[in-house]
C-alpha atoms as a PDB file:
ATOM      1  CA  MET A   1    -108.556 121.646 -20.874  1.00  0.00           C
ATOM      2  CA  ALA A   2    -110.904 124.578 -20.348  1.00  0.00           C
ATOM      3  CA  LYS A   3    -113.239 125.578 -23.166  1.00  0.00           C
ATOM      4  CA  ALA A   4    -112.492 128.886 -24.937  1.00  0.00           C
ATOM      5  CA  TYR A   5    -114.785 131.839 -24.469  1.00  0.00           C
ATOM      6  CA  SER A   6    -117.151 132.206 -27.451  1.00  0.00           C
ATOM      7  CA  TYR A   7    -116.358 134.766 -30.248  1.00  0.00           C
ATOM      8  CA  ASP A   8    -119.632 136.596 -29.458  1.00  0.00           C
ATOM      9  CA  PHE A   9    -118.713 137.010 -25.802  1.00  0.00           C
ATOM     10  CA  ARG A  10    -115.201 138.302 -26.687  1.00  0.00           C
ATOM     11  CA  GLU A  11    -116.760 140.921 -29.054  1.00  0.00           C
ATOM     12  CA  LYS A  12    -119.068 142.155 -26.286  1.00  0.00           C
ATOM     13  CA  VAL A  13    -116.155 142.567 -23.933  1.00  0.00           C
ATOM     14  CA  MET A  14    -114.128 144.466 -26.543  1.00  0.00           C
ATOM     15  CA  GLN A  15    -117.181 146.593 -27.311  1.00  0.00           C
ATOM     16  CA  ALA A  16    -117.599 147.484 -23.571  1.00  0.00           C
ATOM     17  CA  LEU A  17    -113.955 148.596 -23.622  1.00  0.00           C
ATOM     18  CA  ALA A  18    -113.919 150.589 -26.884  1.00  0.00           C
ATOM     19  CA  LEU A  19    -117.446 151.942 -27.310  1.00  0.00           C
ATOM     20  CA  ASP A  20    -118.788 152.224 -23.817  1.00  0.00           C
ATOM     21  CA  GLY A  21    -115.471 153.608 -22.525  1.00  0.00           C
ATOM     22  CA  LEU A  22    -115.422 151.325 -19.374  1.00  0.00           C
ATOM     23  CA  LYS A  23    -112.147 150.554 -17.597  1.00  0.00           C
ATOM     24  CA  LYS A  24    -110.649 147.082 -17.720  1.00  0.00           C
ATOM     25  CA  SER A  25    -111.421 146.507 -14.032  1.00  0.00           C
ATOM     26  CA  GLU A  26    -115.009 147.481 -14.563  1.00  0.00           C
ATOM     27  CA  VAL A  27    -115.421 145.226 -17.502  1.00  0.00           C
ATOM     28  CA  SER A  28    -113.779 142.286 -15.691  1.00  0.00           C
ATOM     29  CA  GLN A  29    -116.228 142.696 -12.870  1.00  0.00           C
ATOM     30  CA  LEU A  30    -119.253 143.163 -15.184  1.00  0.00           C
ATOM     31  CA  PHE A  31    -118.469 140.032 -17.273  1.00  0.00           C
ATOM     32  CA  HIS A  32    -116.801 137.946 -14.474  1.00  0.00           C
ATOM     33  CA  ILE A  33    -113.502 137.394 -16.150  1.00  0.00           C
ATOM     34  CA  SER A  34    -109.994 138.242 -15.057  1.00  0.00           C
ATOM     35  CA  ARG A  35    -108.126 141.401 -16.212  1.00  0.00           C
ATOM     36  CA  ASN A  36    -105.437 139.138 -17.539  1.00  0.00           C
ATOM     37  CA  THR A  37    -107.888 137.573 -19.918  1.00  0.00           C
ATOM     38  CA  ILE A  38    -108.807 140.994 -21.222  1.00  0.00           C
ATOM     39  CA  ASP A  39    -105.180 141.870 -21.495  1.00  0.00           C
ATOM     40  CA  LEU A  40    -104.502 138.725 -23.667  1.00  0.00           C
ATOM     41  CA  TRP A  41    -107.469 139.476 -25.878  1.00  0.00           C
ATOM     42  CA  LEU A  42    -106.217 143.087 -26.404  1.00  0.00           C
ATOM     43  CA  LYS A  43    -102.759 141.691 -27.314  1.00  0.00           C
ATOM     44  CA  ARG A  44    -104.327 139.284 -29.774  1.00  0.00           C
ATOM     45  CA  LYS A  45    -106.406 141.986 -31.349  1.00  0.00           C
ATOM     46  CA  ALA A  46    -103.309 144.254 -31.745  1.00  0.00           C
ATOM     47  CA  ALA A  47    -101.313 141.295 -33.316  1.00  0.00           C
ATOM     48  CA  THR A  48    -103.991 139.742 -35.555  1.00  0.00           C
ATOM     49  CA  GLY A  49    -106.710 142.414 -35.818  1.00  0.00           C
ATOM     50  CA  ASP A  50    -109.296 139.991 -34.215  1.00  0.00           C
ATOM     51  CA  VAL A  51    -110.009 138.388 -30.926  1.00  0.00           C
ATOM     52  CA  GLN A  52    -110.843 135.006 -32.354  1.00  0.00           C
ATOM     53  CA  ALA A  53    -109.623 132.010 -30.260  1.00  0.00           C
ATOM     54  CA  LYS A  54    -106.797 129.985 -31.599  1.00  0.00           C
ATOM     55  CA  GLN A  55    -107.853 126.646 -33.045  1.00  0.00           C
ATOM     56  CA  ARG A  56    -106.676 123.625 -31.123  1.00  0.00           C
ATOM     57  CA  GLN A  57    -105.381 120.655 -33.007  1.00  0.00           C
ATOM     58  CA  ALA A  58    -106.085 117.228 -31.803  1.00  0.00           C
ATOM     59  CA  VAL A  59    -102.987 115.156 -31.142  1.00  0.00           C
ATOM     60  CA  SER A  60    -103.327 111.442 -31.630  1.00  0.00           C
ATOM     61  CA  PRO A  61    -100.803 109.232 -29.936  1.00  0.00           C
ATOM     62  CA  ARG A  62     -98.206 107.643 -32.179  1.00  0.00           C
ATOM     63  CA  GLN A  63     -98.721 103.947 -32.468  1.00  0.00           C
ATOM     64  CA  LYS A  64     -95.664 101.894 -31.605  1.00  0.00           C
ATOM     65  CA  ILE A  65     -97.114  98.730 -32.908  1.00  0.00           C
ATOM     66  CA  THR A  66     -98.373  99.108 -36.486  1.00  0.00           C
ATOM     67  CA  ASP A  67     -98.263  95.566 -37.991  1.00  0.00           C
ATOM     68  CA  TRP A  68    -101.003  93.852 -35.989  1.00  0.00           C
ATOM     69  CA  GLU A  69    -100.724  90.482 -37.850  1.00  0.00           C
ATOM     70  CA  LYS A  70     -96.959  90.327 -37.107  1.00  0.00           C
ATOM     71  CA  PHE A  71     -97.753  91.222 -33.419  1.00  0.00           C
ATOM     72  CA  ARG A  72    -100.458  88.530 -33.263  1.00  0.00           C
ATOM     73  CA  ALA A  73     -97.958  85.923 -34.439  1.00  0.00           C
ATOM     74  CA  PHE A  74     -95.374  87.228 -32.022  1.00  0.00           C
ATOM     75  CA  ALA A  75     -97.846  87.024 -29.087  1.00  0.00           C
ATOM     76  CA  LYS A  76     -98.969  83.508 -30.143  1.00  0.00           C
ATOM     77  CA  GLU A  77     -95.202  82.370 -30.194  1.00  0.00           C
ATOM     78  CA  HIS A  78     -94.334  83.998 -26.917  1.00  0.00           C
ATOM     79  CA  GLU A  79     -97.720  83.449 -25.020  1.00  0.00           C
ATOM     80  CA  SER A  80     -96.019  81.748 -22.055  1.00  0.00           C
ATOM     81  CA  LYS A  81     -93.725  84.727 -21.320  1.00  0.00           C
ATOM     82  CA  THR A  82     -94.546  87.767 -19.212  1.00  0.00           C
ATOM     83  CA  GLN A  83     -95.259  91.156 -20.661  1.00  0.00           C
ATOM     84  CA  VAL A  84     -91.890  92.463 -19.530  1.00  0.00           C
ATOM     85  CA  GLU A  85     -90.164  89.548 -21.314  1.00  0.00           C
ATOM     86  CA  MET A  86     -92.224  90.082 -24.472  1.00  0.00           C
ATOM     87  CA  ALA A  87     -91.334  93.810 -24.395  1.00  0.00           C
ATOM     88  CA  ALA A  88     -87.627  92.886 -24.257  1.00  0.00           C
ATOM     89  CA  LEU A  89     -87.983  90.479 -27.211  1.00  0.00           C
ATOM     90  CA  TRP A  90     -89.946  92.860 -29.488  1.00  0.00           C
ATOM     91  CA  GLU A  91     -87.964  94.403 -32.286  1.00  0.00           C
ATOM     92  CA  SER A  92     -88.246  97.994 -31.258  1.00  0.00           C
ATOM     93  CA  ASP A  93     -87.976  99.596 -27.836  1.00  0.00           C
ATOM     94  CA  ILE A  94     -91.434  99.367 -26.246  1.00  0.00           C
ATOM     95  CA  SER A  95     -92.632  99.124 -22.656  1.00  0.00           C
ATOM     96  CA  ASP A  96     -94.491  96.307 -20.982  1.00  0.00           C
ATOM     97  CA  ARG A  97     -97.540  98.619 -20.675  1.00  0.00           C
ATOM     98  CA  THR A  98     -97.573  99.006 -24.496  1.00  0.00           C
ATOM     99  CA  ILE A  99     -97.587  95.158 -24.732  1.00  0.00           C
ATOM    100  CA  SER A 100    -100.452  95.130 -22.236  1.00  0.00           C
ATOM    101  CA  ARG A 101    -102.503  97.533 -24.317  1.00  0.00           C
ATOM    102  CA  ALA A 102    -101.750  95.684 -27.550  1.00  0.00           C
ATOM    103  CA  LEU A 103    -102.676  92.335 -26.036  1.00  0.00           C
ATOM    104  CA  ALA A 104    -106.033  93.896 -24.744  1.00  0.00           C
ATOM    105  CA  LYS A 105    -106.598  95.311 -28.239  1.00  0.00           C
ATOM    106  CA  LEU A 106    -106.290  91.688 -29.588  1.00  0.00           C
ATOM    107  CA  GLY A 107    -108.719  90.463 -26.865  1.00  0.00           C
ATOM    108  CA  TRP A 108    -106.079  88.465 -24.934  1.00  0.00           C
ATOM    109  CA  THR A 109    -105.984  88.437 -21.227  1.00  0.00           C
ATOM    110  CA  ARG A 110    -103.020  88.347 -18.782  1.00  0.00           C
ATOM    111  CA  LYS A 111    -104.184  85.105 -17.268  1.00  0.00           C
ATOM    112  CA  LYS A 112    -101.831  82.204 -17.802  1.00  0.00           C
ATOM    113  CA  ARG A 113    -104.354  79.492 -16.968  1.00  0.00           C
ATOM    114  CA  ARG A 114    -107.329  79.171 -19.180  1.00  0.00           C
ATOM    115  CA  THR A 115    -109.447  77.239 -16.509  1.00  0.00           C
ATOM    116  CA  GLY A 116    -109.807  77.505 -12.741  1.00  0.00           C
ATOM    117  CA  ILE A 117    -108.227  75.115 -10.307  1.00  0.00           C
ATOM    118  CA  ALA A 118    -110.297  71.997  -9.579  1.00  0.00           C
ATOM    119  CA  ASN A 119    -111.744  71.781  -6.136  1.00  0.00           C
ATOM    120  CA  ALA A 120    -109.285  69.795  -3.984  1.00  0.00           C
ATOM    121  CA  MET A 121    -112.113  68.587  -1.533  1.00  0.00           C
ATOM    122  CA  ARG A 122    -113.836  65.373  -2.615  1.00  0.00           C
ATOM    123  CA  PRO A 123    -116.964  63.942  -1.086  1.00  0.00           C
ATOM    124  CA  ASN A 124    -116.231  60.967   1.088  1.00  0.00           C
ATOM    125  CA  GLY A 125    -119.399  59.239   0.509  1.00  0.00           C
ATOM    126  CA  GLN A 126    -120.540  59.583   4.143  1.00  0.00           C
ATOM    127  CA  ARG A 127    -123.762  61.242   5.159  1.00  0.00           C
ATOM    128  CA  SER A 128    -124.012  63.329   8.219  1.00  0.00           C
END
């Protein structure tokens, strides 16, 4: 999301409109902002008495898995199942992607085999 213009800049724009008597189109060209932005600031000043930007509130995602010890035991019990099967078995309605993120948070991988496949070629004892 774009960063808001500073309060200082907004005040300069409003001062150019009110005290200097410039038109909106002249101010928009002078400060390189759109007329719509100036109109929005004027509306805000009429409504609140100031051109201060609205404060944004950070939204944190809601965690679907909250009891991590319970999930760790669940994952240990169902480690041979796929993530889709684990999502179907979990007590609440969650997706396989949520299971994937939770397993990654625990440090588990999606690999089923813990070791690689042994090399099928064996030396025959003959030298070339």
